[in-house]
N, C-alpha and C. Protein backbone atom coordinates (compact mmCIF):
# COMPACT_ATOMS: atom_id res chain seq x y z
N MET A 1 -8.36 38.64 25.66
CA MET A 1 -9.74 38.33 25.86
C MET A 1 -10.19 38.42 27.32
N THR A 2 -11.66 38.70 27.17
CA THR A 2 -12.07 38.50 28.60
C THR A 2 -13.45 37.57 28.27
N ILE A 3 -13.93 36.43 29.23
CA ILE A 3 -14.61 35.84 29.39
C ILE A 3 -15.70 35.84 30.54
N SER A 4 -16.90 36.20 30.10
CA SER A 4 -17.71 36.75 31.25
C SER A 4 -17.71 37.76 32.47
N GLY A 5 -16.78 38.93 31.36
CA GLY A 5 -16.75 39.69 32.39
C GLY A 5 -15.25 40.07 33.08
N LEU A 6 -14.30 38.70 32.87
CA LEU A 6 -13.17 38.76 33.71
C LEU A 6 -11.98 39.38 32.49
N PRO A 7 -11.10 40.12 33.06
CA PRO A 7 -10.79 39.98 34.72
C PRO A 7 -11.19 41.45 34.94
N GLY A 8 -11.59 41.73 36.40
CA GLY A 8 -11.71 42.63 37.07
C GLY A 8 -12.84 43.07 37.17
N GLY A 9 -13.81 43.08 38.37
CA GLY A 9 -14.92 43.78 39.04
C GLY A 9 -16.06 42.60 38.48
N PRO A 10 -17.30 43.05 38.74
CA PRO A 10 -18.34 42.44 38.63
C PRO A 10 -19.01 42.35 36.92
N ALA A 11 -19.19 41.04 36.51
CA ALA A 11 -20.02 41.25 34.88
C ALA A 11 -20.94 41.61 35.13
N PRO A 12 -21.12 41.78 33.69
CA PRO A 12 -22.22 42.41 33.24
C PRO A 12 -23.65 42.30 33.75
N GLY A 13 -24.68 42.69 34.27
CA GLY A 13 -25.58 42.28 34.59
C GLY A 13 -25.67 41.98 36.57
N GLY A 14 -24.53 42.18 36.73
CA GLY A 14 -24.82 42.40 37.99
C GLY A 14 -23.97 40.75 39.07
N PHE A 15 -23.50 40.09 37.50
CA PHE A 15 -23.43 38.35 38.31
C PHE A 15 -21.97 38.90 39.38
N GLY A 16 -21.65 37.99 40.49
CA GLY A 16 -20.77 37.98 41.34
C GLY A 16 -19.81 36.86 40.51
N PRO A 17 -18.37 37.08 41.59
CA PRO A 17 -17.17 36.30 41.16
C PRO A 17 -17.61 35.00 41.07
N SER A 18 -18.68 33.92 41.64
CA SER A 18 -19.01 32.76 41.62
C SER A 18 -19.31 32.11 40.07
N ARG A 19 -20.26 33.20 39.72
CA ARG A 19 -20.78 33.08 38.45
C ARG A 19 -19.57 33.68 37.27
N ARG A 20 -18.99 34.34 37.16
CA ARG A 20 -18.08 34.62 36.42
C ARG A 20 -16.93 33.38 36.13
N PHE A 21 -16.51 32.75 37.73
CA PHE A 21 -15.81 31.76 37.41
C PHE A 21 -16.52 30.51 36.58
N SER A 22 -17.78 30.32 36.98
CA SER A 22 -18.14 28.97 36.25
C SER A 22 -18.60 29.12 35.05
N GLY A 23 -18.75 30.51 34.63
CA GLY A 23 -18.56 30.76 33.31
C GLY A 23 -17.34 30.18 32.45
N LEU A 24 -16.37 30.95 32.92
CA LEU A 24 -14.92 30.43 32.81
C LEU A 24 -14.63 29.22 32.44
N ALA A 25 -15.24 28.41 33.56
CA ALA A 25 -14.59 26.71 33.70
C ALA A 25 -15.59 26.30 32.42
N ALA A 26 -17.21 26.45 32.34
CA ALA A 26 -17.60 25.66 31.20
C ALA A 26 -16.93 26.29 30.02
N ALA A 27 -16.97 27.23 29.43
CA ALA A 27 -15.95 27.63 28.78
C ALA A 27 -14.75 27.21 27.77
N LEU A 28 -14.03 26.69 29.21
CA LEU A 28 -12.62 26.26 29.08
C LEU A 28 -13.07 24.45 28.60
N ALA A 29 -14.21 23.96 29.31
CA ALA A 29 -14.65 22.43 29.28
C ALA A 29 -15.29 22.87 28.03
N LEU A 30 -15.78 23.52 27.43
CA LEU A 30 -15.66 23.56 25.82
C LEU A 30 -14.75 23.30 25.03
N LEU A 31 -13.87 24.45 25.02
CA LEU A 31 -13.00 24.09 24.11
C LEU A 31 -12.09 22.94 24.27
N LEU A 32 -11.91 22.11 25.60
CA LEU A 32 -11.51 20.90 25.80
C LEU A 32 -11.73 20.06 25.07
N ALA A 33 -13.13 19.72 24.96
CA ALA A 33 -13.70 18.75 24.55
C ALA A 33 -14.27 19.09 23.49
N ALA A 34 -13.65 19.98 22.72
CA ALA A 34 -13.94 20.12 21.43
C ALA A 34 -13.27 19.33 20.25
N PRO A 35 -11.78 19.18 20.85
CA PRO A 35 -11.04 18.25 19.89
C PRO A 35 -11.39 16.66 19.91
N VAL A 36 -12.16 16.31 21.07
CA VAL A 36 -12.76 14.65 21.32
C VAL A 36 -13.85 15.07 20.17
N ALA A 37 -14.30 16.06 20.19
CA ALA A 37 -15.94 15.73 19.93
C ALA A 37 -15.68 15.63 18.21
N PHE A 38 -14.54 16.27 17.79
CA PHE A 38 -14.47 16.34 16.19
C PHE A 38 -13.58 15.63 15.61
N ALA A 39 -12.89 14.49 16.80
CA ALA A 39 -12.03 13.56 16.30
C ALA A 39 -12.53 12.48 15.43
N PRO A 40 -13.83 12.14 15.75
CA PRO A 40 -13.87 10.96 14.83
C PRO A 40 -14.21 11.14 13.37
N SER A 41 -14.79 12.59 12.99
CA SER A 41 -15.13 13.10 11.83
C SER A 41 -13.42 13.15 11.07
N LEU A 42 -12.72 13.58 11.88
CA LEU A 42 -11.57 13.69 11.19
C LEU A 42 -10.61 12.86 11.05
N ALA A 43 -10.61 12.01 11.85
CA ALA A 43 -10.11 10.53 11.57
C ALA A 43 -11.04 9.76 10.24
N ALA A 44 -12.35 10.14 10.11
CA ALA A 44 -13.16 8.96 8.94
C ALA A 44 -12.41 9.68 7.79
N ALA A 45 -12.11 11.49 7.82
CA ALA A 45 -11.96 12.22 6.61
C ALA A 45 -10.40 12.17 5.99
N HIS A 46 -9.60 11.44 6.66
CA HIS A 46 -8.21 11.61 6.86
C HIS A 46 -7.62 10.87 5.18
N GLY A 47 -6.94 11.00 4.74
CA GLY A 47 -6.07 10.65 3.50
C GLY A 47 -5.55 9.48 3.20
N ALA A 48 -5.15 9.20 2.47
CA ALA A 48 -4.74 7.88 1.80
C ALA A 48 -3.18 7.67 3.07
N THR A 49 -3.12 6.40 3.20
CA THR A 49 -2.07 6.22 3.82
C THR A 49 -1.51 5.16 3.33
N PRO A 50 0.26 4.98 3.60
CA PRO A 50 0.72 3.79 3.04
C PRO A 50 0.26 2.57 3.63
N GLN A 51 0.33 1.89 2.51
CA GLN A 51 -0.08 -0.32 3.14
C GLN A 51 1.49 -1.03 2.70
N LYS A 52 1.27 -2.11 3.18
CA LYS A 52 2.02 -3.02 2.83
C LYS A 52 1.55 -4.31 2.43
N VAL A 53 2.24 -5.19 1.66
CA VAL A 53 1.92 -6.82 1.69
C VAL A 53 3.14 -7.23 1.53
N VAL A 54 3.85 -8.50 2.46
CA VAL A 54 4.72 -8.95 2.57
C VAL A 54 4.36 -10.45 2.38
N GLU A 55 4.40 -11.20 1.40
CA GLU A 55 4.43 -12.98 0.68
C GLU A 55 5.45 -13.42 0.75
N THR A 56 5.52 -14.71 1.24
CA THR A 56 6.70 -15.63 1.14
C THR A 56 6.50 -17.37 0.95
N ILE A 57 6.81 -17.61 -0.11
CA ILE A 57 7.00 -18.86 -0.30
C ILE A 57 8.24 -19.74 -0.70
N GLU A 58 8.14 -21.02 0.00
CA GLU A 58 9.11 -21.91 -0.49
C GLU A 58 9.08 -22.91 -1.19
N ILE A 59 10.56 -23.14 -2.40
CA ILE A 59 9.97 -23.64 -3.42
C ILE A 59 11.60 -24.85 -3.62
N ALA A 60 11.03 -26.20 -3.81
CA ALA A 60 12.15 -26.88 -3.92
C ALA A 60 12.34 -26.96 -5.54
N ALA A 61 13.63 -25.98 -5.61
CA ALA A 61 14.24 -25.68 -6.31
C ALA A 61 15.51 -24.64 -6.31
N PRO A 62 16.07 -25.09 -6.74
CA PRO A 62 17.67 -23.69 -6.03
C PRO A 62 17.54 -22.59 -6.73
N PRO A 63 17.97 -21.58 -5.78
CA PRO A 63 17.84 -20.42 -6.17
C PRO A 63 18.20 -19.87 -7.75
N GLU A 64 19.15 -20.30 -7.92
CA GLU A 64 19.57 -20.16 -9.03
C GLU A 64 18.22 -20.59 -10.31
N LYS A 65 17.63 -21.74 -10.23
CA LYS A 65 16.66 -21.87 -11.33
C LYS A 65 15.56 -21.11 -11.01
N VAL A 66 15.35 -20.54 -9.78
CA VAL A 66 14.53 -19.49 -9.73
C VAL A 66 14.27 -18.43 -9.94
N TRP A 67 15.74 -18.01 -9.66
CA TRP A 67 15.72 -16.47 -10.37
C TRP A 67 15.71 -16.32 -11.96
N ALA A 68 16.18 -17.30 -12.26
CA ALA A 68 15.91 -17.38 -13.70
C ALA A 68 15.03 -16.79 -14.31
N VAL A 69 13.58 -17.48 -13.56
CA VAL A 69 11.98 -16.88 -13.63
C VAL A 69 11.89 -15.92 -13.38
N VAL A 70 12.14 -15.38 -12.07
CA VAL A 70 11.74 -14.55 -11.16
C VAL A 70 12.32 -12.79 -11.88
N GLY A 71 14.03 -13.30 -12.00
CA GLY A 71 14.46 -12.48 -12.33
C GLY A 71 14.80 -11.75 -13.68
N ASP A 72 14.21 -12.76 -14.86
CA ASP A 72 13.51 -11.99 -16.13
C ASP A 72 12.66 -11.00 -16.19
N PHE A 73 12.54 -9.94 -16.14
CA PHE A 73 11.76 -8.62 -16.32
C PHE A 73 10.19 -8.90 -16.87
N ALA A 74 11.07 -9.63 -18.24
CA ALA A 74 9.86 -9.57 -19.19
C ALA A 74 9.07 -11.09 -19.18
N ASP A 75 9.72 -11.79 -18.10
CA ASP A 75 8.62 -12.99 -18.13
C ASP A 75 7.69 -13.05 -17.06
N VAL A 76 6.80 -13.16 -17.31
CA VAL A 76 5.60 -13.12 -16.38
C VAL A 76 4.59 -14.46 -16.65
N SER A 77 5.47 -15.25 -17.47
CA SER A 77 4.37 -16.45 -17.44
C SER A 77 4.02 -16.97 -16.30
N TRP A 78 4.66 -17.21 -15.07
CA TRP A 78 4.22 -17.93 -13.59
C TRP A 78 3.06 -16.59 -13.03
N ARG A 79 2.64 -15.51 -13.43
CA ARG A 79 1.56 -14.99 -12.91
C ARG A 79 0.01 -15.23 -13.48
N PRO A 80 -0.71 -15.61 -12.75
CA PRO A 80 -1.72 -16.26 -13.25
C PRO A 80 -2.88 -15.26 -13.95
N GLU A 81 -2.74 -14.12 -13.39
CA GLU A 81 -3.80 -13.25 -13.39
C GLU A 81 -3.42 -12.49 -14.80
N ILE A 82 -2.00 -12.67 -15.57
CA ILE A 82 -1.89 -11.90 -16.54
C ILE A 82 -2.05 -12.80 -17.87
N GLU A 83 -2.60 -12.20 -18.94
CA GLU A 83 -2.63 -12.88 -20.22
C GLU A 83 -1.18 -13.03 -20.86
N ARG A 84 -0.76 -11.77 -21.22
CA ARG A 84 0.31 -11.41 -22.01
C ARG A 84 1.02 -9.98 -21.71
N ALA A 85 2.46 -10.13 -21.97
CA ALA A 85 3.02 -8.90 -21.92
C ALA A 85 3.76 -8.46 -22.85
N GLU A 86 4.17 -7.01 -23.21
CA GLU A 86 4.73 -5.99 -23.69
C GLU A 86 6.04 -5.67 -23.05
N ALA A 87 6.83 -6.08 -23.48
CA ALA A 87 8.14 -5.39 -22.52
C ALA A 87 9.26 -5.21 -23.52
N GLN A 88 10.50 -4.22 -22.84
CA GLN A 88 11.25 -3.91 -23.45
C GLN A 88 12.59 -3.44 -22.48
N GLY A 89 13.83 -3.17 -22.73
CA GLY A 89 14.70 -2.86 -22.30
C GLY A 89 15.99 -3.95 -21.72
N GLY A 90 15.17 -5.10 -21.13
CA GLY A 90 15.61 -6.12 -21.23
C GLY A 90 15.68 -6.29 -19.42
N ASN A 91 16.74 -6.25 -18.86
CA ASN A 91 16.52 -6.39 -17.48
C ASN A 91 17.40 -4.82 -16.81
N VAL A 92 17.61 -3.93 -17.18
CA VAL A 92 18.40 -2.98 -17.37
C VAL A 92 17.18 -1.57 -16.69
N PRO A 93 18.00 -1.17 -15.03
CA PRO A 93 17.12 -0.52 -14.28
C PRO A 93 16.41 0.70 -15.29
N GLU A 94 15.43 1.53 -14.74
CA GLU A 94 15.16 2.59 -15.78
C GLU A 94 14.97 2.62 -17.08
N LYS A 95 15.31 1.77 -17.70
CA LYS A 95 15.21 1.64 -19.14
C LYS A 95 14.03 0.44 -19.26
N ALA A 96 13.88 -0.74 -18.67
CA ALA A 96 13.32 -1.90 -18.83
C ALA A 96 11.39 -1.40 -18.51
N THR A 97 10.77 -1.90 -19.55
CA THR A 97 9.56 -1.71 -19.00
C THR A 97 8.82 -2.46 -19.17
N ARG A 98 7.53 -2.53 -18.64
CA ARG A 98 6.37 -3.72 -19.48
C ARG A 98 4.86 -3.60 -18.94
N ARG A 99 4.28 -3.58 -20.25
CA ARG A 99 2.44 -3.55 -20.32
C ARG A 99 1.96 -5.15 -19.93
N LEU A 100 1.54 -4.96 -19.06
CA LEU A 100 0.99 -6.54 -18.94
C LEU A 100 -0.43 -6.16 -18.84
N PHE A 101 -1.02 -7.27 -19.54
CA PHE A 101 -2.72 -7.45 -20.31
C PHE A 101 -3.24 -8.52 -18.89
N TYR A 102 -4.27 -7.63 -18.27
CA TYR A 102 -4.86 -9.01 -17.33
C TYR A 102 -5.80 -9.77 -18.01
N ARG A 103 -6.02 -10.86 -17.63
CA ARG A 103 -7.23 -11.92 -18.44
C ARG A 103 -8.34 -11.34 -18.31
N ARG A 104 -8.63 -10.50 -17.20
CA ARG A 104 -9.82 -10.29 -16.79
C ARG A 104 -10.27 -8.79 -17.86
N GLY A 105 -9.26 -8.23 -18.62
CA GLY A 105 -9.20 -7.03 -19.29
C GLY A 105 -8.66 -6.11 -18.70
N GLY A 106 -8.28 -4.93 -19.21
CA GLY A 106 -7.66 -4.14 -18.52
C GLY A 106 -6.11 -4.12 -18.78
N PHE A 107 -5.01 -3.14 -18.28
CA PHE A 107 -3.59 -3.62 -18.22
C PHE A 107 -3.01 -2.49 -17.43
N LEU A 108 -1.65 -2.78 -17.15
CA LEU A 108 -0.82 -1.95 -16.35
C LEU A 108 0.62 -1.75 -16.56
N ASP A 109 0.97 -0.62 -16.97
CA ASP A 109 2.25 -0.64 -16.76
C ASP A 109 3.36 -0.21 -15.76
N GLU A 110 4.59 -1.18 -15.58
CA GLU A 110 5.43 -0.92 -14.50
C GLU A 110 7.00 -0.96 -15.22
N ARG A 111 7.80 -0.29 -14.54
CA ARG A 111 9.11 0.13 -14.85
C ARG A 111 10.11 -0.46 -13.71
N LEU A 112 11.30 -1.37 -14.13
CA LEU A 112 12.04 -1.86 -13.21
C LEU A 112 12.81 -1.07 -12.79
N VAL A 113 13.00 -0.41 -11.63
CA VAL A 113 13.96 0.63 -11.40
C VAL A 113 15.32 0.24 -10.06
N GLN A 114 15.53 -0.99 -10.16
CA GLN A 114 16.38 -1.65 -9.53
C GLN A 114 16.70 -3.08 -10.03
N TYR A 115 18.14 -3.74 -9.93
CA TYR A 115 18.37 -5.12 -10.53
C TYR A 115 19.63 -5.57 -9.80
N ASP A 116 19.48 -6.60 -8.82
CA ASP A 116 20.59 -6.77 -8.59
C ASP A 116 21.09 -8.37 -8.62
N GLY A 117 21.66 -8.77 -9.64
CA GLY A 117 21.69 -10.22 -10.31
C GLY A 117 22.48 -11.08 -9.20
N ALA A 118 23.31 -10.66 -8.35
CA ALA A 118 23.93 -11.09 -7.56
C ALA A 118 23.50 -11.40 -6.70
N ALA A 119 22.27 -10.52 -5.94
CA ALA A 119 21.86 -10.67 -4.80
C ALA A 119 20.77 -11.22 -5.10
N MET A 120 20.18 -11.72 -6.61
CA MET A 120 19.05 -12.04 -7.18
C MET A 120 18.21 -11.31 -6.07
N SER A 121 17.52 -9.92 -6.44
CA SER A 121 16.56 -8.85 -6.25
C SER A 121 16.28 -7.79 -7.08
N LEU A 122 14.96 -7.69 -7.20
CA LEU A 122 14.87 -6.53 -7.91
C LEU A 122 13.90 -5.58 -7.63
N ARG A 123 13.45 -4.24 -8.16
CA ARG A 123 12.26 -4.13 -7.65
C ARG A 123 11.68 -3.12 -8.86
N TYR A 124 10.42 -3.11 -8.98
CA TYR A 124 9.77 -2.18 -9.69
C TYR A 124 8.69 -1.24 -9.41
N ILE A 125 8.63 -0.38 -10.13
CA ILE A 125 6.55 0.17 -9.39
C ILE A 125 6.14 0.44 -11.21
N ILE A 126 4.39 -0.03 -10.55
CA ILE A 126 3.91 0.59 -11.17
C ILE A 126 3.46 2.26 -11.69
N GLU A 127 3.65 2.31 -12.53
CA GLU A 127 3.33 3.97 -13.49
C GLU A 127 2.05 3.78 -13.90
N ARG A 128 1.33 3.06 -14.14
CA ARG A 128 -0.12 3.11 -14.36
C ARG A 128 -1.05 1.92 -14.54
N ALA A 129 -1.81 1.79 -14.07
CA ALA A 129 -2.88 1.17 -13.47
C ALA A 129 -4.13 1.12 -13.68
N ASP A 130 -5.23 0.53 -14.42
CA ASP A 130 -6.48 0.28 -14.34
C ASP A 130 -7.05 -0.07 -13.15
N ILE A 131 -7.32 0.92 -12.33
CA ILE A 131 -8.00 0.71 -10.72
C ILE A 131 -9.28 -0.13 -10.72
N ASP A 132 -9.45 -0.58 -12.07
CA ASP A 132 -11.30 -1.05 -11.56
C ASP A 132 -10.84 -2.91 -11.13
N VAL A 133 -9.46 -2.69 -11.74
CA VAL A 133 -8.80 -3.97 -11.93
C VAL A 133 -7.98 -4.38 -10.57
N LEU A 134 -7.13 -3.34 -10.47
CA LEU A 134 -5.90 -3.20 -9.25
C LEU A 134 -6.64 -1.89 -8.81
N PRO A 135 -6.69 -1.45 -7.39
CA PRO A 135 -7.41 -0.39 -7.34
C PRO A 135 -6.33 0.24 -6.02
N VAL A 136 -5.43 0.08 -6.57
CA VAL A 136 -4.30 1.13 -5.91
C VAL A 136 -3.06 2.28 -6.45
N GLY A 137 -2.47 3.03 -5.92
CA GLY A 137 -1.70 3.89 -6.33
C GLY A 137 -0.52 4.12 -5.70
N ASN A 138 0.37 4.03 -6.84
CA ASN A 138 2.26 4.25 -6.50
C ASN A 138 2.85 3.01 -5.59
N LEU A 139 2.45 2.14 -6.46
CA LEU A 139 2.71 0.66 -5.65
C LEU A 139 4.51 0.49 -6.29
N SER A 140 5.20 -0.10 -5.73
CA SER A 140 6.67 -0.34 -5.44
C SER A 140 6.67 -1.58 -4.98
N ALA A 141 6.88 -2.70 -5.59
CA ALA A 141 7.31 -4.03 -5.21
C ALA A 141 8.76 -4.38 -5.54
N THR A 142 9.43 -5.30 -4.62
CA THR A 142 10.41 -6.11 -4.41
C THR A 142 10.42 -7.48 -4.74
N LEU A 143 11.19 -8.49 -5.60
CA LEU A 143 11.11 -10.09 -5.51
C LEU A 143 12.31 -9.93 -5.35
N THR A 144 12.61 -10.89 -4.00
CA THR A 144 13.84 -11.65 -3.74
C THR A 144 13.81 -13.13 -3.98
N VAL A 145 14.87 -13.50 -3.95
CA VAL A 145 15.31 -14.88 -3.91
C VAL A 145 16.23 -15.59 -3.11
N ARG A 146 15.85 -16.15 -1.91
CA ARG A 146 17.28 -16.75 -1.00
C ARG A 146 17.27 -18.08 -1.24
N GLY A 147 18.73 -19.00 -0.99
CA GLY A 147 18.69 -19.82 -1.16
C GLY A 147 18.27 -20.44 0.49
N LEU A 148 17.70 -22.00 0.42
CA LEU A 148 17.52 -22.88 1.59
C LEU A 148 18.41 -23.72 1.35
N GLY A 149 18.48 -24.63 2.62
CA GLY A 149 19.24 -25.92 2.83
C GLY A 149 19.10 -26.89 1.54
N GLU A 150 19.90 -27.68 1.22
CA GLU A 150 19.29 -29.09 0.67
C GLU A 150 18.58 -28.70 -0.85
N GLY A 151 19.28 -27.21 -1.38
CA GLY A 151 18.75 -26.98 -2.46
C GLY A 151 17.60 -26.16 -2.74
N GLY A 152 16.98 -25.70 -1.58
CA GLY A 152 15.54 -25.00 -1.83
C GLY A 152 15.99 -23.70 -1.76
N SER A 153 14.60 -23.03 -2.20
CA SER A 153 14.87 -21.72 -2.22
C SER A 153 13.37 -20.81 -1.53
N ARG A 154 13.42 -19.75 -1.06
CA ARG A 154 12.37 -18.73 -0.22
C ARG A 154 12.55 -17.68 -1.33
N VAL A 155 11.28 -17.32 -2.06
CA VAL A 155 11.24 -16.09 -2.25
C VAL A 155 10.05 -15.04 -1.70
N GLU A 156 10.31 -14.01 -1.96
CA GLU A 156 9.61 -12.86 -1.07
C GLU A 156 9.16 -11.88 -2.15
N TRP A 157 7.72 -11.68 -1.99
CA TRP A 157 7.21 -10.58 -2.85
C TRP A 157 7.00 -9.37 -1.85
N LYS A 158 7.59 -8.43 -1.73
CA LYS A 158 7.11 -7.27 -0.91
C LYS A 158 6.68 -5.74 -1.69
N SER A 159 5.49 -5.65 -1.14
CA SER A 159 4.93 -3.62 -1.58
C SER A 159 4.58 -2.97 -0.68
N ARG A 160 4.50 -1.96 -1.05
CA ARG A 160 4.26 -0.51 -0.44
C ARG A 160 3.52 0.20 -1.65
N PHE A 161 2.37 0.50 -1.39
CA PHE A 161 1.26 1.38 -2.10
C PHE A 161 0.51 2.14 -1.07
N TYR A 162 -0.71 2.63 -2.29
CA TYR A 162 -1.75 3.57 -1.60
C TYR A 162 -3.13 3.16 -1.97
N ARG A 163 -3.86 3.17 -1.61
CA ARG A 163 -5.20 2.78 -2.26
C ARG A 163 -5.59 3.98 -3.71
N ALA A 164 -6.19 3.73 -4.39
CA ALA A 164 -6.54 4.51 -5.43
C ALA A 164 -7.38 5.92 -4.83
N PHE A 165 -7.85 5.70 -4.34
CA PHE A 165 -8.73 6.99 -4.04
C PHE A 165 -7.70 7.77 -2.86
N PRO A 166 -7.18 9.04 -3.16
CA PRO A 166 -6.44 9.42 -2.00
C PRO A 166 -6.60 10.34 -1.14
N GLY A 167 -7.89 10.92 -1.33
CA GLY A 167 -8.50 11.61 -0.48
C GLY A 167 -9.28 10.97 0.62
N GLY A 168 -10.23 11.69 1.92
CA GLY A 168 -11.06 10.99 2.75
C GLY A 168 -12.13 10.29 2.18
N ASN A 169 -12.48 9.93 3.09
CA ASN A 169 -14.16 9.02 2.74
C ASN A 169 -14.14 8.16 1.67
N PRO A 170 -13.30 7.66 1.18
CA PRO A 170 -12.92 6.60 -0.15
C PRO A 170 -14.31 6.54 -0.66
N PRO A 171 -14.77 5.63 -1.26
CA PRO A 171 -15.83 5.01 -1.75
C PRO A 171 -15.64 3.20 -1.27
N GLU A 172 -16.67 2.32 -1.02
CA GLU A 172 -16.32 1.23 -0.50
C GLU A 172 -15.32 0.27 -1.59
N GLN A 173 -15.27 0.20 -2.89
CA GLN A 173 -14.63 -0.05 -4.16
C GLN A 173 -13.15 0.31 -3.79
N PHE A 174 -12.92 1.20 -3.30
CA PHE A 174 -11.49 1.75 -2.82
C PHE A 174 -10.60 2.19 -1.63
N THR A 175 -11.32 1.27 -0.93
CA THR A 175 -10.58 1.46 0.39
C THR A 175 -9.03 0.92 0.64
N ASP A 176 -8.50 0.81 1.79
CA ASP A 176 -7.42 0.28 2.36
C ASP A 176 -7.42 -0.86 2.06
N GLU A 177 -9.07 -1.50 2.77
CA GLU A 177 -8.87 -3.11 2.99
C GLU A 177 -9.31 -3.67 1.74
N VAL A 178 -9.46 -2.65 0.69
CA VAL A 178 -9.78 -3.32 -0.98
C VAL A 178 -8.49 -3.46 -1.65
N ALA A 179 -7.84 -2.28 -1.30
CA ALA A 179 -6.64 -2.45 -1.89
C ALA A 179 -5.33 -3.38 -1.52
N THR A 180 -5.49 -3.68 -0.38
CA THR A 180 -4.46 -4.56 0.60
C THR A 180 -5.18 -5.57 0.33
N ASP A 181 -6.59 -6.03 0.12
CA ASP A 181 -7.04 -7.30 -0.48
C ASP A 181 -6.35 -7.75 -1.78
N ALA A 182 -6.47 -6.50 -2.61
CA ALA A 182 -6.30 -7.41 -4.00
C ALA A 182 -4.93 -7.42 -4.35
N VAL A 183 -4.08 -7.04 -3.93
CA VAL A 183 -2.25 -7.10 -3.53
C VAL A 183 -2.03 -8.20 -3.15
N THR A 184 -2.86 -8.65 -1.90
CA THR A 184 -2.58 -10.11 -1.37
C THR A 184 -2.66 -11.31 -2.04
N ARG A 185 -3.89 -10.81 -2.78
CA ARG A 185 -4.76 -11.91 -3.52
C ARG A 185 -3.74 -12.38 -4.95
N ILE A 186 -2.98 -11.33 -5.36
CA ILE A 186 -2.23 -11.28 -6.63
C ILE A 186 -1.00 -11.75 -5.88
N PHE A 187 -0.23 -11.60 -5.12
CA PHE A 187 0.93 -12.28 -4.69
C PHE A 187 0.69 -13.79 -4.24
N LYS A 188 0.20 -14.07 -3.25
CA LYS A 188 -0.37 -15.33 -2.85
C LYS A 188 -0.65 -16.47 -4.27
N ALA A 189 -1.26 -16.09 -5.44
CA ALA A 189 -1.44 -16.64 -6.62
C ALA A 189 -0.44 -16.79 -7.35
N GLY A 190 0.13 -15.61 -7.63
CA GLY A 190 1.54 -15.73 -8.17
C GLY A 190 2.74 -16.75 -7.57
N LEU A 191 2.65 -16.34 -6.31
CA LEU A 191 3.70 -17.12 -5.84
C LEU A 191 3.43 -19.15 -5.72
N ALA A 192 2.23 -19.03 -5.34
CA ALA A 192 1.89 -20.38 -5.70
C ALA A 192 1.96 -21.16 -7.06
N SER A 193 1.73 -20.19 -7.60
CA SER A 193 2.02 -20.53 -9.48
C SER A 193 3.36 -20.41 -9.88
N LEU A 194 4.08 -19.80 -8.87
CA LEU A 194 5.65 -20.26 -9.42
C LEU A 194 5.90 -21.62 -9.01
N LYS A 195 5.99 -21.60 -7.65
CA LYS A 195 6.21 -22.92 -7.07
C LYS A 195 5.89 -24.25 -7.65
N ALA A 196 4.43 -23.68 -8.52
CA ALA A 196 3.90 -25.28 -9.29
C ALA A 196 4.71 -25.47 -10.88
N LYS A 197 4.55 -24.51 -11.23
CA LYS A 197 5.65 -24.62 -12.54
C LYS A 197 7.17 -25.02 -12.19
N LEU A 198 7.66 -24.19 -11.14
CA LEU A 198 9.20 -24.70 -10.70
C LEU A 198 9.71 -26.05 -10.37
N GLU A 199 8.32 -26.91 -9.34
CA GLU A 199 8.24 -27.73 -9.08
C GLU A 199 7.77 -29.22 -10.04
N ARG A 200 7.19 -28.72 -10.73
CA ARG A 200 6.86 -29.51 -11.89
C ARG A 200 8.05 -30.59 -12.58
N PRO A 201 7.59 -32.12 -12.39
CA PRO A 201 8.77 -32.69 -12.99
C PRO A 201 9.22 -32.32 -14.53
């Protein structure tokens, strides 16, 4: 490729070497500046990236008592946003499923994928969700119970997910921030309700 008549001899139109090199420098400067100029638009248009939420709570109840509730995949009585559940498969990974019906309308389908009673830990995934109620996709969540001193427990509820809109420039109701806020509110409210349920006299 030649720029402004390079290499060799005067440039077309009789321009000398200084004009040729200034033209080359301008072209190189333009090429170098192009990625910077386009970077903001590319950043704004990127696809969905994985998001994470981790919430924990301490409960004044022995871990066995806590696990008896959260370790029952069919029992969602401690989740205040859920009106009722239809579950099958017990606590058998890949066979246990549940459909949860929201109090505000809509539902989601979840499947148990890992279960360890000895370690008091389970993991489930959402297979189908009403994104107007929970604006996320590909959510995987883990619930774990750990014993504390003097008979207490710590429950950790963590998840990894994407926003419901996978492409770039999502509508304002389907941004990463909206998705993360929705999951955070559900986790916080659920753990607070679990604590109240288990610490009730």
